[in-house]
Amino acid sequence: MSEQQCPCGLGNYSSCCQPLHLGQQKVLSATQLMRSRYSAFALQEIDYIVKTTALQQQQYLDVPAIAEWSKSNQWLKLEIVQTQEKVDKNHALVEFKAHYHDGEKVQEHHEISYFVKFDETWYFLDPTVEQAFTMKQPCLCGSSKKFKQCCAQFL
């Protein structure tokens, strides 16, 4: 598998997303995290999907549903539409289109995703995770800020 084209489209898997999936390299940007998460979906690297989601959201992820969606689709290509690596000091935006075949027809998942950098590590802020947060409690990303002063505006 290590000589194959990386699903994210930026070269060989062994020198692109595989070192990130194996924890051998650190993600350096939100765009790189987005690409590596797409590759993780394409290759059913579900543990990577979980560990790159915001810390306080990980426990609420529907891991079996994520695994099923990952496995049941043929992932065709990732298209990065736009990026803003500095929405603010610790947040970034990546707009993308994930093209896949669901067994019946080609589909396109178009999303604007937000990411947070905490403790020198990038995480995906998952807007689909249902959890009750008050604006005054600590932020879900793990920072010492209140939720309303950190990630609330991005979810």
C-alpha atoms as a PDB file:
ATOM      1  CA  MET A   1       0.000   0.000   0.000  1.00  0.00           C
ATOM      2  CA  SER A   2       2.858   2.396   0.719  1.00  0.00           C
ATOM      3  CA  GLU A   3       3.692   2.823  -3.004  1.00  0.00           C
ATOM      4  CA  GLN A   4       0.174   3.798  -3.969  1.00  0.00           C
ATOM      5  CA  GLN A   5      -1.059   7.285  -4.755  1.00  0.00           C
ATOM      6  CA  CYS A   6      -2.265   9.062  -1.640  1.00  0.00           C
ATOM      7  CA  PRO A   7      -6.066   9.446  -1.638  1.00  0.00           C
ATOM      8  CA  CYS A   8      -5.652  13.168  -0.902  1.00  0.00           C
ATOM      9  CA  GLY A   9      -3.982  13.564  -4.301  1.00  0.00           C
ATOM     10  CA  LEU A  10      -0.610  14.994  -3.250  1.00  0.00           C
ATOM     11  CA  GLY A  11       1.814  12.182  -4.012  1.00  0.00           C
ATOM     12  CA  ASN A  12       2.628   8.728  -2.705  1.00  0.00           C
ATOM     13  CA  TYR A  13       0.789   7.650   0.416  1.00  0.00           C
ATOM     14  CA  SER A  14       4.051   6.600   2.097  1.00  0.00           C
ATOM     15  CA  SER A  15       5.422  10.148   1.965  1.00  0.00           C
ATOM     16  CA  CYS A  16       2.146  12.053   2.255  1.00  0.00           C
ATOM     17  CA  CYS A  17      -0.585  11.029   4.713  1.00  0.00           C
ATOM     18  CA  GLN A  18       0.722   7.682   5.962  1.00  0.00           C
ATOM     19  CA  PRO A  19       3.310   9.239   8.338  1.00  0.00           C
ATOM     20  CA  LEU A  20       0.496  11.352   9.806  1.00  0.00           C
ATOM     21  CA  HIS A  21      -1.812   8.349  10.160  1.00  0.00           C
ATOM     22  CA  LEU A  22       0.961   6.419  11.914  1.00  0.00           C
ATOM     23  CA  GLY A  23       1.811   9.320  14.229  1.00  0.00           C
ATOM     24  CA  GLN A  24       5.324   9.596  12.782  1.00  0.00           C
ATOM     25  CA  GLN A  25       4.848  13.232  11.750  1.00  0.00           C
ATOM     26  CA  LYS A  26       2.882  16.116  13.161  1.00  0.00           C
ATOM     27  CA  VAL A  27       0.200  17.898  11.141  1.00  0.00           C
ATOM     28  CA  LEU A  28       1.462  21.387  10.318  1.00  0.00           C
ATOM     29  CA  SER A  29      -1.720  23.093   9.081  1.00  0.00           C
ATOM     30  CA  ALA A  30      -5.488  22.808   8.967  1.00  0.00           C
ATOM     31  CA  THR A  31      -5.308  22.061   5.242  1.00  0.00           C
ATOM     32  CA  GLN A  32      -2.893  19.209   5.860  1.00  0.00           C
ATOM     33  CA  LEU A  33      -5.218  17.871   8.561  1.00  0.00           C
ATOM     34  CA  MET A  34      -8.178  18.074   6.164  1.00  0.00           C
ATOM     35  CA  ARG A  35      -6.249  16.157   3.501  1.00  0.00           C
ATOM     36  CA  SER A  36      -5.096  13.512   5.969  1.00  0.00           C
ATOM     37  CA  ARG A  37      -8.631  13.075   7.328  1.00  0.00           C
ATOM     38  CA  TYR A  38      -9.957  12.585   3.785  1.00  0.00           C
ATOM     39  CA  SER A  39      -7.282   9.933   3.220  1.00  0.00           C
ATOM     40  CA  ALA A  40      -8.231   8.345   6.530  1.00  0.00           C
ATOM     41  CA  PHE A  41     -11.851   8.081   5.368  1.00  0.00           C
ATOM     42  CA  ALA A  42     -10.712   6.583   2.062  1.00  0.00           C
ATOM     43  CA  LEU A  43      -8.510   4.011   3.818  1.00  0.00           C
ATOM     44  CA  GLN A  44     -10.796   3.311   6.796  1.00  0.00           C
ATOM     45  CA  GLU A  45      -8.307   4.740   9.308  1.00  0.00           C
ATOM     46  CA  ILE A  46     -11.109   5.437  11.778  1.00  0.00           C
ATOM     47  CA  ASP A  47      -8.865   5.816  14.831  1.00  0.00           C
ATOM     48  CA  TYR A  48      -7.179   8.729  13.062  1.00  0.00           C
ATOM     49  CA  ILE A  49     -10.551  10.361  12.371  1.00  0.00           C
ATOM     50  CA  VAL A  50     -11.398  10.123  16.063  1.00  0.00           C
ATOM     51  CA  LYS A  51      -8.073  11.347  17.435  1.00  0.00           C
ATOM     52  CA  THR A  52      -8.011  14.370  15.105  1.00  0.00           C
ATOM     53  CA  THR A  53     -11.453  15.558  16.224  1.00  0.00           C
ATOM     54  CA  ALA A  54     -11.611  18.209  18.970  1.00  0.00           C
ATOM     55  CA  LEU A  55     -10.745  16.621  22.303  1.00  0.00           C
ATOM     56  CA  GLN A  56     -14.086  17.063  24.069  1.00  0.00           C
ATOM     57  CA  GLN A  57     -16.011  15.901  20.985  1.00  0.00           C
ATOM     58  CA  GLN A  58     -14.247  12.566  20.575  1.00  0.00           C
ATOM     59  CA  GLN A  59     -16.363  10.741  23.149  1.00  0.00           C
ATOM     60  CA  TYR A  60     -19.571  11.793  21.371  1.00  0.00           C
ATOM     61  CA  LEU A  61     -18.614  10.559  17.904  1.00  0.00           C
ATOM     62  CA  ASP A  62     -20.709   7.782  16.397  1.00  0.00           C
ATOM     63  CA  VAL A  63     -17.684   5.650  15.531  1.00  0.00           C
ATOM     64  CA  PRO A  64     -19.652   2.736  13.991  1.00  0.00           C
ATOM     65  CA  ALA A  65     -21.480   5.170  11.682  1.00  0.00           C
ATOM     66  CA  ILE A  66     -18.200   6.837  10.700  1.00  0.00           C
ATOM     67  CA  ALA A  67     -16.667   3.437   9.957  1.00  0.00           C
ATOM     68  CA  GLU A  68     -19.683   2.378   7.899  1.00  0.00           C
ATOM     69  CA  TRP A  69     -19.685   5.599   5.850  1.00  0.00           C
ATOM     70  CA  SER A  70     -15.954   5.253   5.277  1.00  0.00           C
ATOM     71  CA  LYS A  71     -16.215   1.627   4.185  1.00  0.00           C
ATOM     72  CA  SER A  72     -19.399   1.820   2.120  1.00  0.00           C
ATOM     73  CA  ASN A  73     -18.161   4.493  -0.276  1.00  0.00           C
ATOM     74  CA  GLN A  74     -15.514   4.535  -2.967  1.00  0.00           C
ATOM     75  CA  TRP A  75     -13.572   7.742  -2.401  1.00  0.00           C
ATOM     76  CA  LEU A  76     -12.704   9.353  -5.742  1.00  0.00           C
ATOM     77  CA  LYS A  77     -10.974  12.658  -5.057  1.00  0.00           C
ATOM     78  CA  LEU A  78     -10.590  15.585  -2.722  1.00  0.00           C
ATOM     79  CA  GLU A  79     -10.929  19.126  -3.983  1.00  0.00           C
ATOM     80  CA  ILE A  80      -9.836  21.987  -1.748  1.00  0.00           C
ATOM     81  CA  VAL A  81     -11.981  24.995  -2.673  1.00  0.00           C
ATOM     82  CA  GLN A  82     -10.466  27.567  -0.320  1.00  0.00           C
ATOM     83  CA  THR A  83      -8.489  27.842   2.880  1.00  0.00           C
ATOM     84  CA  GLN A  84      -8.023  30.450   5.574  1.00  0.00           C
ATOM     85  CA  GLU A  85      -5.203  29.242   7.771  1.00  0.00           C
ATOM     86  CA  LYS A  86      -5.658  32.179  10.160  1.00  0.00           C
ATOM     87  CA  VAL A  87      -9.329  32.903  10.846  1.00  0.00           C
ATOM     88  CA  ASP A  88      -7.973  33.995  14.213  1.00  0.00           C
ATOM     89  CA  LYS A  89      -4.965  33.064  16.328  1.00  0.00           C
ATOM     90  CA  ASN A  90      -5.970  29.411  16.820  1.00  0.00           C
ATOM     91  CA  HIS A  91      -8.650  28.700  14.215  1.00  0.00           C
ATOM     92  CA  ALA A  92      -8.628  27.950  10.503  1.00  0.00           C
ATOM     93  CA  LEU A  93     -11.165  27.245   7.779  1.00  0.00           C
ATOM     94  CA  VAL A  94     -10.993  24.749   4.924  1.00  0.00           C
ATOM     95  CA  GLU A  95     -13.728  24.534   2.309  1.00  0.00           C
ATOM     96  CA  PHE A  96     -13.608  21.281   0.391  1.00  0.00           C
ATOM     97  CA  LYS A  97     -15.485  18.903  -1.861  1.00  0.00           C
ATOM     98  CA  ALA A  98     -15.105  15.166  -1.318  1.00  0.00           C
ATOM     99  CA  HIS A  99     -16.133  13.190  -4.378  1.00  0.00           C
ATOM    100  CA  TYR A 100     -17.203   9.602  -3.845  1.00  0.00           C
ATOM    101  CA  HIS A 101     -19.321   6.818  -5.297  1.00  0.00           C
ATOM    102  CA  ASP A 102     -21.969   5.455  -2.944  1.00  0.00           C
ATOM    103  CA  GLY A 103     -22.605   2.254  -4.907  1.00  0.00           C
ATOM    104  CA  GLU A 104     -25.302   3.828  -7.036  1.00  0.00           C
ATOM    105  CA  LYS A 105     -23.926   7.136  -8.270  1.00  0.00           C
ATOM    106  CA  VAL A 106     -21.175   9.698  -7.826  1.00  0.00           C
ATOM    107  CA  GLN A 107     -21.795  12.057  -4.923  1.00  0.00           C
ATOM    108  CA  GLU A 108     -20.169  15.265  -3.758  1.00  0.00           C
ATOM    109  CA  HIS A 109     -19.878  16.227  -0.104  1.00  0.00           C
ATOM    110  CA  HIS A 110     -19.284  19.999   0.017  1.00  0.00           C
ATOM    111  CA  GLU A 111     -18.376  21.414   3.410  1.00  0.00           C
ATOM    112  CA  ILE A 112     -16.801  24.386   5.121  1.00  0.00           C
ATOM    113  CA  SER A 113     -14.868  22.953   8.049  1.00  0.00           C
ATOM    114  CA  TYR A 114     -13.296  24.701  10.992  1.00  0.00           C
ATOM    115  CA  PHE A 115     -10.184  23.594  12.804  1.00  0.00           C
ATOM    116  CA  VAL A 116      -8.599  24.602  16.087  1.00  0.00           C
ATOM    117  CA  LYS A 117      -4.964  24.501  17.114  1.00  0.00           C
ATOM    118  CA  PHE A 118      -4.468  23.552  20.741  1.00  0.00           C
ATOM    119  CA  ASP A 119      -1.148  22.708  22.365  1.00  0.00           C
ATOM    120  CA  GLU A 120       0.575  22.825  18.943  1.00  0.00           C
ATOM    121  CA  THR A 121      -1.833  20.224  17.527  1.00  0.00           C
ATOM    122  CA  TRP A 122      -4.583  20.790  14.943  1.00  0.00           C
ATOM    123  CA  TYR A 123      -8.080  19.338  15.525  1.00  0.00           C
ATOM    124  CA  PHE A 124     -11.277  19.237  13.479  1.00  0.00           C
ATOM    125  CA  LEU A 125     -14.326  20.950  15.010  1.00  0.00           C
ATOM    126  CA  ASP A 126     -17.187  18.606  14.180  1.00  0.00           C
ATOM    127  CA  PRO A 127     -20.475  20.520  13.808  1.00  0.00           C
ATOM    128  CA  THR A 128     -22.475  17.271  13.698  1.00  0.00           C
ATOM    129  CA  VAL A 129     -21.588  16.215  17.235  1.00  0.00           C
ATOM    130  CA  GLU A 130     -24.517  16.785  19.538  1.00  0.00           C
ATOM    131  CA  GLN A 131     -23.467  17.859  22.973  1.00  0.00           C
ATOM    132  CA  ALA A 132     -24.766  20.433  25.386  1.00  0.00           C
ATOM    133  CA  PHE A 133     -22.406  23.308  26.038  1.00  0.00           C
ATOM    134  CA  THR A 134     -22.966  26.460  27.976  1.00  0.00           C
ATOM    135  CA  MET A 135     -21.119  29.526  26.838  1.00  0.00           C
ATOM    136  CA  LYS A 136     -19.325  29.864  30.182  1.00  0.00           C
ATOM    137  CA  GLN A 137     -17.896  26.362  30.468  1.00  0.00           C
ATOM    138  CA  PRO A 138     -14.361  25.496  29.309  1.00  0.00           C
ATOM    139  CA  CYS A 139     -13.988  25.163  25.562  1.00  0.00           C
ATOM    140  CA  LEU A 140     -14.315  21.748  23.939  1.00  0.00           C
ATOM    141  CA  CYS A 141     -10.912  22.102  22.266  1.00  0.00           C
ATOM    142  CA  GLY A 142      -9.097  21.838  25.577  1.00  0.00           C
ATOM    143  CA  SER A 143      -7.924  25.427  25.824  1.00  0.00           C
ATOM    144  CA  SER A 144      -8.338  27.256  29.104  1.00  0.00           C
ATOM    145  CA  LYS A 145     -10.713  29.734  27.441  1.00  0.00           C
ATOM    146  CA  LYS A 146     -14.460  29.762  27.887  1.00  0.00           C
ATOM    147  CA  PHE A 147     -16.386  28.097  25.053  1.00  0.00           C
ATOM    148  CA  LYS A 148     -17.973  31.407  23.984  1.00  0.00           C
ATOM    149  CA  GLN A 149     -14.541  33.035  23.659  1.00  0.00           C
ATOM    150  CA  CYS A 150     -13.022  30.216  21.652  1.00  0.00           C
ATOM    151  CA  CYS A 151     -14.782  27.656  19.438  1.00  0.00           C
ATOM    152  CA  ALA A 152     -18.473  28.567  19.883  1.00  0.00           C
ATOM    153  CA  GLN A 153     -18.496  30.889  16.880  1.00  0.00           C
ATOM    154  CA  PHE A 154     -17.267  28.078  14.622  1.00  0.00           C
ATOM    155  CA  LEU A 155     -19.913  25.495  15.498  1.00  0.00           C
END
